Amino acid sequence: MGEFWTIAFFIEIPMINSDNSATPAASEPCLLSAREKEVLQLISMEYTSKEIARMLYISPYTAVSHRKNLLEKFKVRNTAGLVRRGFELGIL
């Protein structure tokens, strides 16, 4: 068989204050896996977790886990927030 490689991206995610202004000094680099980036792109294209699971040949529970991890890493509350932060960070 072949070798498997894990690819990760470091993305600078600025903290957002309650007045929606970024705090550059309080930002920490966020480790986003290649799979999480792929899931984020599919989320932005309005695919459900179940559809994403079928497209990526993963369990629906894994797709939901990727979604939850993205919500936590981007410190947002919903899918709209994920897409917004993805565009703000230049990922999408």
Protein backbone atom coordinates (compact mmCIF):
# COMPACT_ATOMS: atom_id res chain seq x y z
CA MET A 1 0.00 0.00 0.00
CA GLY A 2 0.95 3.66 -0.15
CA GLU A 3 1.95 6.08 2.53
CA PHE A 4 -0.49 8.45 4.18
CA TRP A 5 0.35 12.08 4.84
CA THR A 6 -1.35 14.37 7.31
CA ILE A 7 -1.53 17.96 6.17
CA ALA A 8 -2.44 20.78 8.51
CA PHE A 9 -2.76 24.50 7.99
CA PHE A 10 -1.95 27.21 10.51
CA ILE A 11 -4.46 29.98 10.26
CA GLU A 12 -4.35 33.17 12.28
CA ILE A 13 -7.81 33.65 13.78
CA PRO A 14 -8.29 37.04 15.46
CA MET A 15 -10.56 37.19 18.48
CA ILE A 16 -13.75 39.18 17.89
CA ASN A 17 -14.96 41.62 20.56
CA SER A 18 -18.64 42.17 21.35
CA ASP A 19 -18.60 45.26 19.09
CA ASN A 20 -17.37 43.03 16.17
CA SER A 21 -13.90 44.59 16.15
CA ALA A 22 -10.92 42.26 15.92
CA THR A 23 -8.31 42.12 18.66
CA PRO A 24 -5.04 41.45 16.81
CA ALA A 25 -2.89 41.03 19.92
CA ALA A 26 -5.13 38.31 21.36
CA SER A 27 -5.04 36.06 18.32
CA GLU A 28 -3.70 32.52 18.44
CA PRO A 29 -2.85 30.37 15.44
CA CYS A 30 -5.45 27.68 14.86
CA LEU A 31 -4.56 24.28 13.50
CA LEU A 32 -7.02 23.38 10.76
CA SER A 33 -6.63 19.95 9.17
CA ALA A 34 -6.95 19.43 5.44
CA ARG A 35 -10.13 17.42 6.09
CA GLU A 36 -11.63 20.23 8.20
CA LYS A 37 -10.86 22.68 5.42
CA GLU A 38 -12.57 20.35 2.95
CA VAL A 39 -15.61 20.03 5.24
CA LEU A 40 -15.76 23.81 5.65
CA GLN A 41 -15.81 24.26 1.88
CA LEU A 42 -18.65 21.76 1.56
CA ILE A 43 -20.57 23.43 4.39
CA SER A 44 -20.25 26.74 2.55
CA MET A 45 -21.81 25.04 -0.48
CA GLU A 46 -24.88 24.21 1.67
CA TYR A 47 -24.29 20.46 2.00
CA THR A 48 -25.65 18.74 5.11
CA SER A 49 -23.47 16.61 7.37
CA LYS A 50 -25.08 13.49 5.92
CA GLU A 51 -24.30 14.59 2.35
CA ILE A 52 -20.74 15.54 3.32
CA ALA A 53 -20.26 12.10 4.87
CA ARG A 54 -21.36 10.39 1.66
CA MET A 55 -19.15 12.61 -0.52
CA LEU A 56 -16.04 12.09 1.63
CA TYR A 57 -16.70 8.39 2.40
CA ILE A 58 -16.79 8.98 6.15
CA SER A 59 -19.33 8.25 8.86
CA PRO A 60 -22.07 10.87 9.35
CA TYR A 61 -20.90 11.07 12.98
CA THR A 62 -17.40 11.97 11.78
CA ALA A 63 -18.83 14.71 9.57
CA VAL A 64 -20.75 16.09 12.56
CA SER A 65 -17.54 15.93 14.64
CA HIS A 66 -15.65 17.93 12.01
CA ARG A 67 -18.45 20.51 12.02
CA LYS A 68 -18.35 20.75 15.84
CA ASN A 69 -14.56 21.08 15.82
CA LEU A 70 -14.79 23.92 13.28
CA LEU A 71 -17.40 25.72 15.39
CA GLU A 72 -15.13 25.45 18.42
CA LYS A 73 -11.93 26.46 16.61
CA PHE A 74 -13.56 29.47 14.95
CA LYS A 75 -15.40 30.37 18.16
CA VAL A 76 -18.73 30.78 16.36
CA ARG A 77 -22.22 29.54 17.21
CA ASN A 78 -23.67 28.32 13.92
CA THR A 79 -23.09 27.46 10.27
CA ALA A 80 -23.54 31.07 9.15
CA GLY A 81 -20.73 32.04 11.53
CA LEU A 82 -18.50 29.30 10.10
CA VAL A 83 -18.98 30.55 6.56
CA ARG A 84 -18.52 34.19 7.59
CA ARG A 85 -15.24 33.40 9.42
CA GLY A 86 -14.07 31.25 6.51
CA PHE A 87 -14.45 34.24 4.19
CA GLU A 88 -12.88 36.64 6.70
CA LEU A 89 -9.84 34.39 6.98
CA GLY A 90 -9.53 33.83 3.23
CA ILE A 91 -10.13 30.09 3.48
CA LEU A 92 -13.22 30.23 1.27
